Amino acid sequence: MVRARDKSPENFGWQKIELKPNPKAVLYPLSWGILPITFSVIMAFTGKGEQWIEWLGGFGILLFLVGGVAAIGPRQGSFNSMKVALGFFFCVLALFSWILVATDNLMYIYGILSSLLALTMMYRSIDFIFKDSGLVYQLRWDAKRFLPTESMRDWDVRSARFAQNTMALKRFDTDSFAQIYGFRTKNGLVLRLDIFGIHQESRFDFRTLELNFDDFSSEEE
């Protein structure tokens, strides 16, 4: 019987790497974004400085987006997760709402409500990203090599050729998936295997990848 840990990519020449978002780069914009949204709520209830409500609201949403981009930056393909994608979707929706408020096509109360919803969804997205186990592996690769697609069961292969975007994707559910993509490092080209959406307290069974890692490393060796 093959144990789950025996199928780890590290046993086949893959190197585990750390791709974690910088907490300061994520939390600072997010926390500062709450401040202008709070001011817009106060102005709405007090009736003072109403001409600044849409500007403060829009600026707050932009800061939410900056924090979100900093969170997903290191993890390519994060938008394949529904939770991550929803956070950005509601932020863009809130930003559009403030544009409508600024052009007198929408009441500012809807801009405030959309901002509060955007904050909630973005928080859920970032929390999901930070709780990820960070299972990312890489293997030196030749640009002329093709993916061994015959050894990849139930994978959505988008490009067998080396590419610096998603080459193959295997989805486990709406928020967790594994993807393979190419990446250029200082030491040359590598192939990366990124398993996203697995919580830190969970033990991932590498057998679910249904990959024959021998076919990836045989030519490299």
N, C-alpha and C. Protein backbone atom coordinates (compact mmCIF):
# COMPACT_ATOMS: atom_id res chain seq x y z
N MET A 1 0.85 -1.20 0.00
CA MET A 1 0.00 0.00 0.00
C MET A 1 0.88 1.25 0.00
N VAL A 2 0.60 2.17 -0.90
CA VAL A 2 1.39 3.40 -1.01
C VAL A 2 0.84 4.44 -0.05
N ARG A 3 1.68 4.94 0.82
CA ARG A 3 1.25 5.96 1.77
C ARG A 3 1.23 7.32 1.11
N ALA A 4 0.37 8.20 1.66
CA ALA A 4 0.19 9.52 1.06
C ALA A 4 1.49 10.30 1.02
N ARG A 5 2.27 10.23 2.12
CA ARG A 5 3.49 11.03 2.17
C ARG A 5 4.55 10.53 1.20
N ASP A 6 4.48 9.25 0.80
CA ASP A 6 5.45 8.71 -0.13
C ASP A 6 5.26 9.26 -1.54
N LYS A 7 4.09 9.83 -1.82
CA LYS A 7 3.80 10.39 -3.13
C LYS A 7 4.07 11.89 -3.18
N SER A 8 4.70 12.43 -2.15
CA SER A 8 5.04 13.85 -2.13
C SER A 8 6.00 14.16 -3.27
N PRO A 9 5.82 15.30 -3.95
CA PRO A 9 6.73 15.66 -5.05
C PRO A 9 8.19 15.73 -4.61
N GLU A 10 8.44 16.04 -3.34
CA GLU A 10 9.82 16.15 -2.84
C GLU A 10 10.57 14.83 -2.98
N ASN A 11 9.85 13.72 -2.99
CA ASN A 11 10.48 12.42 -3.16
C ASN A 11 10.85 12.13 -4.61
N PHE A 12 10.49 13.04 -5.51
CA PHE A 12 10.75 12.85 -6.93
C PHE A 12 11.56 14.01 -7.51
N GLY A 13 12.28 14.72 -6.65
CA GLY A 13 13.17 15.77 -7.13
C GLY A 13 12.61 17.17 -7.15
N TRP A 14 11.34 17.33 -6.77
CA TRP A 14 10.74 18.66 -6.72
C TRP A 14 11.17 19.36 -5.44
N GLN A 15 11.39 20.64 -5.53
CA GLN A 15 11.81 21.44 -4.38
C GLN A 15 10.62 22.24 -3.83
N LYS A 16 10.39 22.12 -2.54
CA LYS A 16 9.30 22.88 -1.91
C LYS A 16 9.77 24.31 -1.69
N ILE A 17 8.95 25.28 -2.07
CA ILE A 17 9.30 26.68 -1.92
C ILE A 17 8.21 27.41 -1.15
N GLU A 18 8.56 28.56 -0.61
CA GLU A 18 7.62 29.36 0.16
C GLU A 18 7.11 30.52 -0.69
N LEU A 19 5.82 30.56 -0.92
CA LEU A 19 5.18 31.67 -1.62
C LEU A 19 4.06 32.19 -0.74
N LYS A 20 4.42 33.01 0.20
CA LYS A 20 3.45 33.55 1.15
C LYS A 20 3.33 35.05 0.97
N PRO A 21 2.12 35.59 1.09
CA PRO A 21 1.96 37.05 0.99
C PRO A 21 2.58 37.75 2.18
N ASN A 22 3.05 38.97 1.97
CA ASN A 22 3.60 39.78 3.05
C ASN A 22 2.45 40.37 3.85
N PRO A 23 2.31 40.00 5.14
CA PRO A 23 1.16 40.48 5.92
C PRO A 23 1.04 42.00 5.96
N LYS A 24 2.18 42.70 6.07
CA LYS A 24 2.14 44.16 6.14
C LYS A 24 1.60 44.76 4.85
N ALA A 25 2.05 44.22 3.72
CA ALA A 25 1.61 44.75 2.42
C ALA A 25 0.13 44.49 2.18
N VAL A 26 -0.41 43.49 2.88
CA VAL A 26 -1.83 43.16 2.72
C VAL A 26 -2.70 43.90 3.72
N LEU A 27 -2.31 43.86 4.98
CA LEU A 27 -3.17 44.38 6.04
C LEU A 27 -3.14 45.90 6.15
N TYR A 28 -2.03 46.53 5.84
CA TYR A 28 -1.96 47.99 5.93
C TYR A 28 -2.97 48.66 5.00
N PRO A 29 -2.96 48.34 3.70
CA PRO A 29 -3.96 48.98 2.82
C PRO A 29 -5.39 48.64 3.22
N LEU A 30 -5.59 47.40 3.65
CA LEU A 30 -6.95 46.98 4.02
C LEU A 30 -7.44 47.75 5.24
N SER A 31 -6.58 47.89 6.24
CA SER A 31 -6.99 48.59 7.46
C SER A 31 -7.17 50.10 7.20
N TRP A 32 -6.27 50.67 6.39
CA TRP A 32 -6.41 52.09 6.06
C TRP A 32 -7.63 52.35 5.18
N GLY A 33 -8.03 51.33 4.41
CA GLY A 33 -9.21 51.49 3.57
C GLY A 33 -10.49 51.58 4.37
N ILE A 34 -10.48 51.00 5.57
CA ILE A 34 -11.66 51.05 6.42
C ILE A 34 -11.93 52.48 6.90
N LEU A 35 -10.86 53.26 7.07
CA LEU A 35 -10.99 54.62 7.62
C LEU A 35 -11.84 55.53 6.72
N PRO A 36 -11.54 55.67 5.43
CA PRO A 36 -12.39 56.54 4.60
C PRO A 36 -13.82 56.03 4.47
N ILE A 37 -14.01 54.71 4.49
CA ILE A 37 -15.38 54.18 4.45
C ILE A 37 -16.12 54.58 5.71
N THR A 38 -15.43 54.55 6.86
CA THR A 38 -16.05 54.96 8.12
C THR A 38 -16.43 56.43 8.08
N PHE A 39 -15.52 57.25 7.54
CA PHE A 39 -15.81 58.69 7.42
C PHE A 39 -17.04 58.94 6.53
N SER A 40 -17.14 58.17 5.45
CA SER A 40 -18.28 58.34 4.55
C SER A 40 -19.60 57.98 5.24
N VAL A 41 -19.56 56.97 6.11
CA VAL A 41 -20.75 56.59 6.87
C VAL A 41 -21.14 57.70 7.85
N ILE A 42 -20.12 58.26 8.54
CA ILE A 42 -20.39 59.35 9.49
C ILE A 42 -20.97 60.57 8.78
N MET A 43 -20.39 60.91 7.62
CA MET A 43 -20.89 62.05 6.86
C MET A 43 -22.32 61.83 6.37
N ALA A 44 -22.62 60.58 6.02
CA ALA A 44 -23.96 60.27 5.54
C ALA A 44 -24.99 60.45 6.65
N PHE A 45 -24.65 60.07 7.86
CA PHE A 45 -25.60 60.17 8.97
C PHE A 45 -25.68 61.59 9.55
N THR A 46 -24.56 62.33 9.50
CA THR A 46 -24.56 63.69 10.06
C THR A 46 -24.97 64.74 9.02
N GLY A 47 -24.87 64.40 7.76
CA GLY A 47 -25.21 65.35 6.70
C GLY A 47 -24.16 66.41 6.46
N LYS A 48 -22.97 66.22 7.02
CA LYS A 48 -21.88 67.19 6.85
C LYS A 48 -20.83 66.63 5.89
N GLY A 49 -20.34 67.50 5.03
CA GLY A 49 -19.30 67.09 4.09
C GLY A 49 -19.77 66.06 3.09
N GLU A 50 -21.07 66.12 2.71
CA GLU A 50 -21.61 65.11 1.80
C GLU A 50 -20.94 65.11 0.44
N GLN A 51 -20.33 66.23 0.05
CA GLN A 51 -19.68 66.29 -1.26
C GLN A 51 -18.43 65.42 -1.33
N TRP A 52 -17.95 64.98 -0.16
CA TRP A 52 -16.74 64.15 -0.12
C TRP A 52 -17.05 62.67 0.04
N ILE A 53 -18.31 62.31 0.20
CA ILE A 53 -18.65 60.92 0.50
C ILE A 53 -18.18 59.96 -0.59
N GLU A 54 -18.52 60.29 -1.85
CA GLU A 54 -18.17 59.37 -2.94
C GLU A 54 -16.65 59.27 -3.13
N TRP A 55 -15.93 60.37 -2.89
CA TRP A 55 -14.46 60.33 -3.03
C TRP A 55 -13.83 59.46 -1.95
N LEU A 56 -14.31 59.62 -0.73
CA LEU A 56 -13.78 58.80 0.36
C LEU A 56 -14.14 57.34 0.17
N GLY A 57 -15.38 57.09 -0.26
CA GLY A 57 -15.79 55.71 -0.49
C GLY A 57 -14.98 55.03 -1.58
N GLY A 58 -14.79 55.72 -2.69
CA GLY A 58 -14.01 55.16 -3.79
C GLY A 58 -12.56 54.93 -3.41
N PHE A 59 -11.98 55.86 -2.64
CA PHE A 59 -10.59 55.71 -2.21
C PHE A 59 -10.44 54.51 -1.28
N GLY A 60 -11.41 54.32 -0.41
CA GLY A 60 -11.37 53.16 0.50
C GLY A 60 -11.40 51.85 -0.27
N ILE A 61 -12.23 51.77 -1.30
CA ILE A 61 -12.31 50.55 -2.10
C ILE A 61 -11.01 50.30 -2.86
N LEU A 62 -10.39 51.36 -3.36
CA LEU A 62 -9.10 51.21 -4.04
C LEU A 62 -8.05 50.62 -3.10
N LEU A 63 -8.06 51.05 -1.84
CA LEU A 63 -7.12 50.49 -0.87
C LEU A 63 -7.42 49.02 -0.59
N PHE A 64 -8.71 48.65 -0.59
CA PHE A 64 -9.06 47.24 -0.44
C PHE A 64 -8.46 46.42 -1.58
N LEU A 65 -8.55 46.97 -2.79
CA LEU A 65 -8.02 46.26 -3.95
C LEU A 65 -6.50 46.14 -3.89
N VAL A 66 -5.83 47.19 -3.39
CA VAL A 66 -4.37 47.13 -3.25
C VAL A 66 -3.98 46.00 -2.29
N GLY A 67 -4.68 45.92 -1.16
CA GLY A 67 -4.40 44.84 -0.21
C GLY A 67 -4.69 43.47 -0.80
N GLY A 68 -5.76 43.36 -1.58
CA GLY A 68 -6.09 42.08 -2.20
C GLY A 68 -5.06 41.65 -3.22
N VAL A 69 -4.59 42.61 -4.03
CA VAL A 69 -3.57 42.29 -5.03
C VAL A 69 -2.28 41.83 -4.35
N ALA A 70 -1.92 42.46 -3.23
CA ALA A 70 -0.72 42.06 -2.49
C ALA A 70 -0.87 40.63 -1.94
N ALA A 71 -2.11 40.24 -1.64
CA ALA A 71 -2.35 38.90 -1.09
C ALA A 71 -2.23 37.82 -2.16
N ILE A 72 -2.77 38.09 -3.34
CA ILE A 72 -2.76 37.05 -4.38
C ILE A 72 -1.50 37.10 -5.24
N GLY A 73 -0.72 38.20 -5.12
CA GLY A 73 0.46 38.36 -5.96
C GLY A 73 1.37 37.15 -6.04
N PRO A 74 1.79 36.57 -4.90
CA PRO A 74 2.72 35.44 -4.96
C PRO A 74 2.10 34.15 -5.49
N ARG A 75 0.77 34.03 -5.43
CA ARG A 75 0.10 32.78 -5.82
C ARG A 75 -0.62 32.94 -7.14
N GLN A 76 0.04 32.59 -8.20
CA GLN A 76 -0.54 32.70 -9.54
C GLN A 76 -1.78 31.81 -9.65
N GLY A 77 -2.80 32.31 -10.33
CA GLY A 77 -4.00 31.51 -10.55
C GLY A 77 -4.96 31.47 -9.39
N SER A 78 -4.80 32.38 -8.41
CA SER A 78 -5.67 32.37 -7.23
C SER A 78 -7.13 32.60 -7.57
N PHE A 79 -7.39 33.27 -8.70
CA PHE A 79 -8.77 33.55 -9.09
C PHE A 79 -9.54 32.29 -9.47
N ASN A 80 -8.86 31.15 -9.57
CA ASN A 80 -9.57 29.89 -9.78
C ASN A 80 -10.36 29.48 -8.56
N SER A 81 -10.09 30.13 -7.42
CA SER A 81 -10.85 29.90 -6.19
C SER A 81 -12.04 30.84 -6.16
N MET A 82 -13.23 30.30 -5.91
CA MET A 82 -14.44 31.11 -5.89
C MET A 82 -14.39 32.15 -4.79
N LYS A 83 -13.88 31.79 -3.60
CA LYS A 83 -13.83 32.73 -2.48
C LYS A 83 -12.93 33.92 -2.81
N VAL A 84 -11.82 33.65 -3.45
CA VAL A 84 -10.89 34.72 -3.81
C VAL A 84 -11.51 35.61 -4.89
N ALA A 85 -12.09 35.00 -5.89
CA ALA A 85 -12.67 35.77 -6.98
C ALA A 85 -13.84 36.64 -6.51
N LEU A 86 -14.64 36.13 -5.57
CA LEU A 86 -15.79 36.90 -5.09
C LEU A 86 -15.36 38.17 -4.36
N GLY A 87 -14.26 38.09 -3.62
CA GLY A 87 -13.77 39.26 -2.91
C GLY A 87 -13.46 40.40 -3.86
N PHE A 88 -12.79 40.09 -4.96
CA PHE A 88 -12.45 41.11 -5.94
C PHE A 88 -13.67 41.56 -6.74
N PHE A 89 -14.58 40.63 -7.00
CA PHE A 89 -15.79 40.98 -7.74
C PHE A 89 -16.59 42.03 -6.99
N PHE A 90 -16.79 41.84 -5.68
CA PHE A 90 -17.58 42.79 -4.91
C PHE A 90 -16.86 44.11 -4.70
N CYS A 91 -15.53 44.08 -4.70
CA CYS A 91 -14.78 45.35 -4.63
C CYS A 91 -14.96 46.16 -5.91
N VAL A 92 -14.87 45.49 -7.04
CA VAL A 92 -15.07 46.18 -8.32
C VAL A 92 -16.51 46.68 -8.40
N LEU A 93 -17.46 45.89 -7.92
CA LEU A 93 -18.86 46.31 -7.91
C LEU A 93 -19.06 47.55 -7.04
N ALA A 94 -18.39 47.56 -5.87
CA ALA A 94 -18.50 48.72 -4.99
C ALA A 94 -17.87 49.96 -5.62
N LEU A 95 -16.74 49.78 -6.30
CA LEU A 95 -16.09 50.91 -6.97
C LEU A 95 -16.99 51.48 -8.06
N PHE A 96 -17.64 50.60 -8.79
CA PHE A 96 -18.58 51.03 -9.83
C PHE A 96 -19.77 51.78 -9.20
N SER A 97 -20.19 51.32 -8.02
CA SER A 97 -21.29 51.98 -7.32
C SER A 97 -20.92 53.41 -6.96
N TRP A 98 -19.69 53.61 -6.49
CA TRP A 98 -19.26 54.97 -6.12
C TRP A 98 -19.14 55.87 -7.35
N ILE A 99 -18.79 55.28 -8.49
CA ILE A 99 -18.76 56.08 -9.73
C ILE A 99 -20.16 56.55 -10.08
N LEU A 100 -21.15 55.67 -9.89
CA LEU A 100 -22.54 56.05 -10.14
C LEU A 100 -23.01 57.11 -9.15
N VAL A 101 -22.53 57.00 -7.90
CA VAL A 101 -22.88 58.01 -6.90
C VAL A 101 -22.29 59.37 -7.31
N ALA A 102 -21.05 59.36 -7.76
CA ALA A 102 -20.38 60.60 -8.15
C ALA A 102 -21.04 61.27 -9.35
N THR A 103 -21.70 60.46 -10.18
CA THR A 103 -22.38 61.02 -11.37
C THR A 103 -23.88 61.21 -11.12
N ASP A 104 -24.28 61.15 -9.85
CA ASP A 104 -25.68 61.37 -9.45
C ASP A 104 -26.65 60.38 -10.08
N ASN A 105 -26.16 59.15 -10.29
CA ASN A 105 -27.02 58.10 -10.83
C ASN A 105 -27.37 57.05 -9.79
N LEU A 106 -26.91 57.25 -8.55
CA LEU A 106 -27.17 56.29 -7.49
C LEU A 106 -27.09 57.00 -6.15
N MET A 107 -27.96 56.62 -5.22
CA MET A 107 -27.92 57.20 -3.88
C MET A 107 -26.69 56.69 -3.13
N TYR A 108 -26.06 57.57 -2.35
CA TYR A 108 -24.81 57.17 -1.69
C TYR A 108 -25.00 56.07 -0.67
N ILE A 109 -26.23 55.85 -0.19
CA ILE A 109 -26.46 54.76 0.76
C ILE A 109 -26.13 53.41 0.13
N TYR A 110 -26.37 53.30 -1.19
CA TYR A 110 -26.04 52.04 -1.88
C TYR A 110 -24.54 51.88 -2.04
N GLY A 111 -23.85 53.00 -2.19
CA GLY A 111 -22.39 52.94 -2.23
C GLY A 111 -21.82 52.46 -0.92
N ILE A 112 -22.40 52.95 0.18
CA ILE A 112 -21.94 52.53 1.51
C ILE A 112 -22.22 51.05 1.74
N LEU A 113 -23.42 50.62 1.38
CA LEU A 113 -23.78 49.21 1.58
C LEU A 113 -22.89 48.30 0.74
N SER A 114 -22.63 48.70 -0.51
CA SER A 114 -21.77 47.88 -1.37
C SER A 114 -20.34 47.84 -0.84
N SER A 115 -19.88 48.94 -0.20
CA SER A 115 -18.53 48.97 0.39
C SER A 115 -18.42 48.04 1.58
N LEU A 116 -19.45 48.03 2.41
CA LEU A 116 -19.44 47.12 3.57
C LEU A 116 -19.46 45.66 3.11
N LEU A 117 -20.22 45.38 2.05
CA LEU A 117 -20.24 44.03 1.50
C LEU A 117 -18.88 43.67 0.91
N ALA A 118 -18.26 44.63 0.22
CA ALA A 118 -16.94 44.40 -0.37
C ALA A 118 -15.90 44.12 0.71
N LEU A 119 -15.96 44.86 1.81
CA LEU A 119 -15.03 44.65 2.91
C LEU A 119 -15.19 43.25 3.49
N THR A 120 -16.43 42.82 3.67
CA THR A 120 -16.69 41.48 4.22
C THR A 120 -16.15 40.39 3.30
N MET A 121 -16.42 40.51 2.01
CA MET A 121 -16.00 39.49 1.06
C MET A 121 -14.49 39.48 0.87
N MET A 122 -13.86 40.68 0.87
CA MET A 122 -12.41 40.74 0.72
C MET A 122 -11.72 40.17 1.95
N TYR A 123 -12.29 40.42 3.12
CA TYR A 123 -11.73 39.83 4.35
C TYR A 123 -11.78 38.31 4.28
N ARG A 124 -12.89 37.77 3.79
CA ARG A 124 -13.01 36.31 3.67
C ARG A 124 -11.99 35.77 2.68
N SER A 125 -11.78 36.50 1.60
CA SER A 125 -10.81 36.06 0.59
C SER A 125 -9.40 36.03 1.15
N ILE A 126 -9.01 37.12 1.81
CA ILE A 126 -7.65 37.22 2.37
C ILE A 126 -7.45 36.21 3.49
N ASP A 127 -8.46 36.03 4.32
CA ASP A 127 -8.37 35.03 5.39
C ASP A 127 -8.17 33.64 4.80
N PHE A 128 -8.85 33.35 3.71
CA PHE A 128 -8.71 32.05 3.04
C PHE A 128 -7.29 31.87 2.50
N ILE A 129 -6.74 32.94 1.93
CA ILE A 129 -5.38 32.87 1.37
C ILE A 129 -4.35 32.65 2.47
N PHE A 130 -4.49 33.37 3.58
CA PHE A 130 -3.51 33.25 4.66
C PHE A 130 -3.58 31.90 5.37
N LYS A 131 -4.73 31.24 5.32
CA LYS A 131 -4.86 29.93 5.96
C LYS A 131 -4.39 28.80 5.05
N ASP A 132 -4.00 29.12 3.83
CA ASP A 132 -3.56 28.10 2.89
C ASP A 132 -2.24 27.47 3.35
N SER A 133 -2.09 26.20 3.08
CA SER A 133 -0.89 25.48 3.53
C SER A 133 0.37 25.87 2.79
N GLY A 134 0.22 26.48 1.63
CA GLY A 134 1.40 26.89 0.87
C GLY A 134 2.16 25.73 0.26
N LEU A 135 1.44 24.78 -0.33
CA LEU A 135 2.07 23.63 -0.96
C LEU A 135 2.46 23.99 -2.39
N VAL A 136 3.67 24.51 -2.53
CA VAL A 136 4.18 24.92 -3.84
C VAL A 136 5.53 24.24 -4.07
N TYR A 137 5.67 23.59 -5.22
CA TYR A 137 6.89 22.85 -5.54
C TYR A 137 7.36 23.27 -6.93
N GLN A 138 8.66 23.16 -7.15
CA GLN A 138 9.18 23.49 -8.47
C GLN A 138 10.26 22.50 -8.89
N LEU A 139 10.39 22.35 -10.20
CA LEU A 139 11.33 21.41 -10.79
C LEU A 139 11.98 22.09 -11.99
N ARG A 140 13.29 21.97 -12.11
CA ARG A 140 13.98 22.56 -13.26
C ARG A 140 13.42 21.97 -14.55
N TRP A 141 13.26 22.82 -15.55
CA TRP A 141 12.55 22.38 -16.75
C TRP A 141 13.20 22.98 -17.99
N ASP A 142 13.13 22.24 -19.06
CA ASP A 142 13.62 22.69 -20.35
C ASP A 142 12.44 23.20 -21.16
N ALA A 143 12.58 24.37 -21.75
CA ALA A 143 11.48 24.98 -22.51
C ALA A 143 11.04 24.09 -23.68
N LYS A 144 11.92 23.22 -24.15
CA LYS A 144 11.59 22.36 -25.29
C LYS A 144 10.80 21.12 -24.86
N ARG A 145 10.75 20.86 -23.57
CA ARG A 145 10.03 19.68 -23.08
C ARG A 145 8.53 19.94 -23.06
N PHE A 146 7.78 18.88 -23.24
CA PHE A 146 6.34 18.94 -23.14
C PHE A 146 5.89 18.26 -21.84
N LEU A 147 4.75 18.68 -21.36
CA LEU A 147 4.19 18.01 -20.19
C LEU A 147 3.87 16.56 -20.54
N PRO A 148 4.14 15.63 -19.62
CA PRO A 148 3.77 14.23 -19.87
C PRO A 148 2.27 14.03 -19.64
N THR A 149 1.49 14.50 -20.58
CA THR A 149 0.03 14.52 -20.41
C THR A 149 -0.56 13.12 -20.20
N GLU A 150 0.11 12.11 -20.73
CA GLU A 150 -0.41 10.75 -20.55
C GLU A 150 -0.31 10.29 -19.10
N SER A 151 0.49 11.01 -18.31
CA SER A 151 0.67 10.67 -16.89
C SER A 151 -0.16 11.57 -15.98
N MET A 152 -1.05 12.37 -16.56
CA MET A 152 -1.85 13.32 -15.79
C MET A 152 -3.32 12.97 -15.94
N ARG A 153 -3.82 12.27 -14.96
CA ARG A 153 -5.20 11.78 -15.04
C ARG A 153 -6.19 12.83 -14.55
N ASP A 154 -7.22 13.09 -15.35
CA ASP A 154 -8.30 14.03 -15.00
C ASP A 154 -7.79 15.46 -14.80
N TRP A 155 -6.76 15.83 -15.53
CA TRP A 155 -6.26 17.20 -15.52
C TRP A 155 -6.76 17.94 -16.75
N ASP A 156 -7.05 19.20 -16.57
CA ASP A 156 -7.41 20.06 -17.69
C ASP A 156 -6.12 20.66 -18.23
N VAL A 157 -5.57 20.03 -19.25
CA VAL A 157 -4.30 20.48 -19.83
C VAL A 157 -4.59 21.57 -20.85
N ARG A 158 -4.10 22.76 -20.57
CA ARG A 158 -4.35 23.90 -21.45
C ARG A 158 -3.19 24.15 -22.41
N SER A 159 -2.01 23.75 -22.01
CA SER A 159 -0.85 23.89 -22.89
C SER A 159 0.22 22.91 -22.45
N ALA A 160 0.56 21.99 -23.33
CA ALA A 160 1.62 21.03 -23.02
C ALA A 160 2.99 21.68 -23.16
N ARG A 161 3.05 22.77 -23.92
CA ARG A 161 4.30 23.52 -24.07
C ARG A 161 4.54 24.39 -22.84
N PHE A 162 5.79 24.72 -22.59
CA PHE A 162 6.15 25.58 -21.47
C PHE A 162 5.53 26.96 -21.66
N ALA A 163 4.85 27.45 -20.61
CA ALA A 163 4.22 28.77 -20.65
C ALA A 163 4.19 29.33 -19.24
N GLN A 164 4.34 30.65 -19.14
CA GLN A 164 4.35 31.29 -17.82
C GLN A 164 2.94 31.67 -17.38
N ASN A 165 2.02 30.81 -17.64
CA ASN A 165 0.66 30.90 -17.11
C ASN A 165 0.18 29.47 -16.89
N THR A 166 -1.05 29.30 -16.51
CA THR A 166 -1.55 27.96 -16.17
C THR A 166 -1.45 27.02 -17.36
N MET A 167 -0.66 25.98 -17.21
CA MET A 167 -0.51 24.97 -18.26
C MET A 167 -1.49 23.83 -18.06
N ALA A 168 -1.77 23.51 -16.79
CA ALA A 168 -2.70 22.42 -16.49
C ALA A 168 -3.36 22.69 -15.15
N LEU A 169 -4.61 22.28 -15.01
CA LEU A 169 -5.38 22.54 -13.80
C LEU A 169 -6.18 21.30 -13.41
N LYS A 170 -6.17 21.00 -12.14
CA LYS A 170 -7.00 19.91 -11.60
C LYS A 170 -7.78 20.48 -10.42
N ARG A 171 -9.08 20.53 -10.57
CA ARG A 171 -9.93 21.13 -9.53
C ARG A 171 -10.47 20.06 -8.60
N PHE A 172 -10.37 20.35 -7.28
CA PHE A 172 -10.93 19.43 -6.27
C PHE A 172 -12.34 19.87 -5.87
N ASP A 173 -12.55 21.17 -5.72
CA ASP A 173 -13.87 21.75 -5.49
C ASP A 173 -13.80 23.21 -5.94
N THR A 174 -14.80 24.01 -5.58
CA THR A 174 -14.85 25.40 -6.07
C THR A 174 -13.72 26.27 -5.52
N ASP A 175 -13.10 25.86 -4.41
CA ASP A 175 -12.08 26.70 -3.79
C ASP A 175 -10.71 26.05 -3.70
N SER A 176 -10.59 24.80 -4.02
CA SER A 176 -9.28 24.14 -3.94
C SER A 176 -8.96 23.47 -5.27
N PHE A 177 -7.70 23.56 -5.67
CA PHE A 177 -7.28 23.04 -6.96
C PHE A 177 -5.76 22.89 -6.96
N ALA A 178 -5.26 22.21 -7.95
CA ALA A 178 -3.82 22.12 -8.20
C ALA A 178 -3.57 22.62 -9.61
N GLN A 179 -2.48 23.33 -9.78
CA GLN A 179 -2.16 23.84 -11.11
C GLN A 179 -0.67 23.71 -11.38
N ILE A 180 -0.34 23.60 -12.63
CA ILE A 180 1.05 23.54 -13.08
C ILE A 180 1.27 24.70 -14.03
N TYR A 181 2.33 25.45 -13.79
CA TYR A 181 2.65 26.58 -14.67
C TYR A 181 4.17 26.76 -14.73
N GLY A 182 4.61 27.42 -15.77
CA GLY A 182 6.03 27.68 -15.94
C GLY A 182 6.44 28.98 -15.27
N PHE A 183 7.71 29.04 -14.86
CA PHE A 183 8.20 30.24 -14.20
C PHE A 183 9.69 30.40 -14.50
N ARG A 184 10.10 31.65 -14.66
CA ARG A 184 11.50 31.96 -14.95
C ARG A 184 12.20 32.44 -13.69
N THR A 185 13.24 31.77 -13.26
CA THR A 185 14.02 32.16 -12.09
C THR A 185 15.40 32.63 -12.54
N LYS A 186 16.20 33.12 -11.59
CA LYS A 186 17.56 33.56 -11.90
C LYS A 186 18.43 32.41 -12.39
N ASN A 187 18.08 31.19 -11.96
CA ASN A 187 18.87 30.02 -12.32
C ASN A 187 18.31 29.27 -13.51
N GLY A 188 17.29 29.82 -14.15
CA GLY A 188 16.72 29.15 -15.31
C GLY A 188 15.22 28.91 -15.17
N LEU A 189 14.69 28.14 -16.11
CA LEU A 189 13.26 27.87 -16.13
C LEU A 189 12.90 26.74 -15.18
N VAL A 190 11.73 26.87 -14.57
CA VAL A 190 11.23 25.81 -13.68
C VAL A 190 9.76 25.57 -13.99
N LEU A 191 9.34 24.40 -13.61
CA LEU A 191 7.93 24.05 -13.66
C LEU A 191 7.42 24.08 -12.22
N ARG A 192 6.31 24.75 -11.99
CA ARG A 192 5.79 24.84 -10.63
C ARG A 192 4.48 24.08 -10.49
N LEU A 193 4.37 23.39 -9.38
CA LEU A 193 3.14 22.71 -8.99
C LEU A 193 2.61 23.42 -7.76
N ASP A 194 1.46 24.04 -7.91
CA ASP A 194 0.87 24.84 -6.83
C ASP A 194 -0.46 24.21 -6.42
N ILE A 195 -0.53 23.76 -5.16
CA ILE A 195 -1.75 23.17 -4.63
C ILE A 195 -2.39 24.20 -3.72
N PHE A 196 -3.49 24.76 -4.15
CA PHE A 196 -4.09 25.92 -3.48
C PHE A 196 -5.43 25.53 -2.84
N GLY A 197 -5.69 26.15 -1.67
CA GLY A 197 -6.99 25.95 -1.02
C GLY A 197 -6.99 24.86 0.03
N ILE A 198 -5.82 24.36 0.42
CA ILE A 198 -5.72 23.34 1.46
C ILE A 198 -5.34 24.03 2.76
N HIS A 199 -6.18 23.95 3.78
CA HIS A 199 -5.91 24.63 5.04
C HIS A 199 -4.70 24.04 5.75
N GLN A 200 -4.07 24.88 6.56
CA GLN A 200 -2.83 24.49 7.22
C GLN A 200 -2.99 23.28 8.13
N GLU A 201 -4.18 23.15 8.75
CA GLU A 201 -4.38 22.04 9.67
C GLU A 201 -4.72 20.74 8.96
N SER A 202 -4.92 20.81 7.64
CA SER A 202 -5.28 19.63 6.86
C SER A 202 -4.02 18.95 6.31
N ARG A 203 -4.07 17.64 6.22
CA ARG A 203 -2.98 16.87 5.62
C ARG A 203 -3.39 16.46 4.22
N PHE A 204 -2.67 16.96 3.25
CA PHE A 204 -3.04 16.71 1.86
C PHE A 204 -2.55 15.34 1.42
N ASP A 205 -3.43 14.61 0.74
CA ASP A 205 -3.08 13.30 0.19
C ASP A 205 -2.61 13.52 -1.25
N PHE A 206 -1.32 13.40 -1.47
CA PHE A 206 -0.75 13.67 -2.79
C PHE A 206 -1.21 12.67 -3.84
N ARG A 207 -1.79 11.55 -3.40
CA ARG A 207 -2.28 10.58 -4.38
C ARG A 207 -3.46 11.13 -5.17
N THR A 208 -4.17 12.11 -4.59
CA THR A 208 -5.32 12.69 -5.29
C THR A 208 -4.90 13.50 -6.51
N LEU A 209 -3.62 13.86 -6.61
CA LEU A 209 -3.14 14.58 -7.79
C LEU A 209 -3.19 13.70 -9.03
N GLU A 210 -3.04 12.39 -8.82
CA GLU A 210 -3.06 11.43 -9.93
C GLU A 210 -2.03 11.82 -11.00
N LEU A 211 -0.82 12.05 -10.49
CA LEU A 211 0.32 12.37 -11.36
C LEU A 211 1.38 11.30 -11.22
N ASN A 212 2.00 10.94 -12.31
CA ASN A 212 3.15 10.06 -12.26
C ASN A 212 4.40 10.93 -12.28
N PHE A 213 4.92 11.24 -11.10
CA PHE A 213 6.04 12.18 -11.00
C PHE A 213 7.30 11.63 -11.66
N ASP A 214 7.41 10.33 -11.82
CA ASP A 214 8.58 9.74 -12.48
C ASP A 214 8.72 10.27 -13.90
N ASP A 215 7.60 10.49 -14.56
CA ASP A 215 7.65 10.97 -15.95
C ASP A 215 8.03 12.43 -16.05
N PHE A 216 7.91 13.16 -14.96
CA PHE A 216 8.35 14.56 -14.95
C PHE A 216 9.86 14.66 -14.74
N SER A 217 10.41 13.78 -13.91
CA SER A 217 11.81 13.92 -13.52
C SER A 217 12.76 13.04 -14.31
N SER A 218 12.26 12.07 -15.04
CA SER A 218 13.14 11.12 -15.70
C SER A 218 14.07 11.78 -16.71
N GLU A 219 13.52 12.70 -17.53
CA GLU A 219 14.37 13.35 -18.53
C GLU A 219 15.34 14.33 -17.88
N GLU A 220 14.90 14.92 -16.75
CA GLU A 220 15.77 15.89 -16.06
C GLU A 220 16.99 15.22 -15.49
N GLU A 221 16.79 13.98 -15.06
CA GLU A 221 17.90 13.25 -14.47
C GLU A 221 18.84 12.71 -15.55
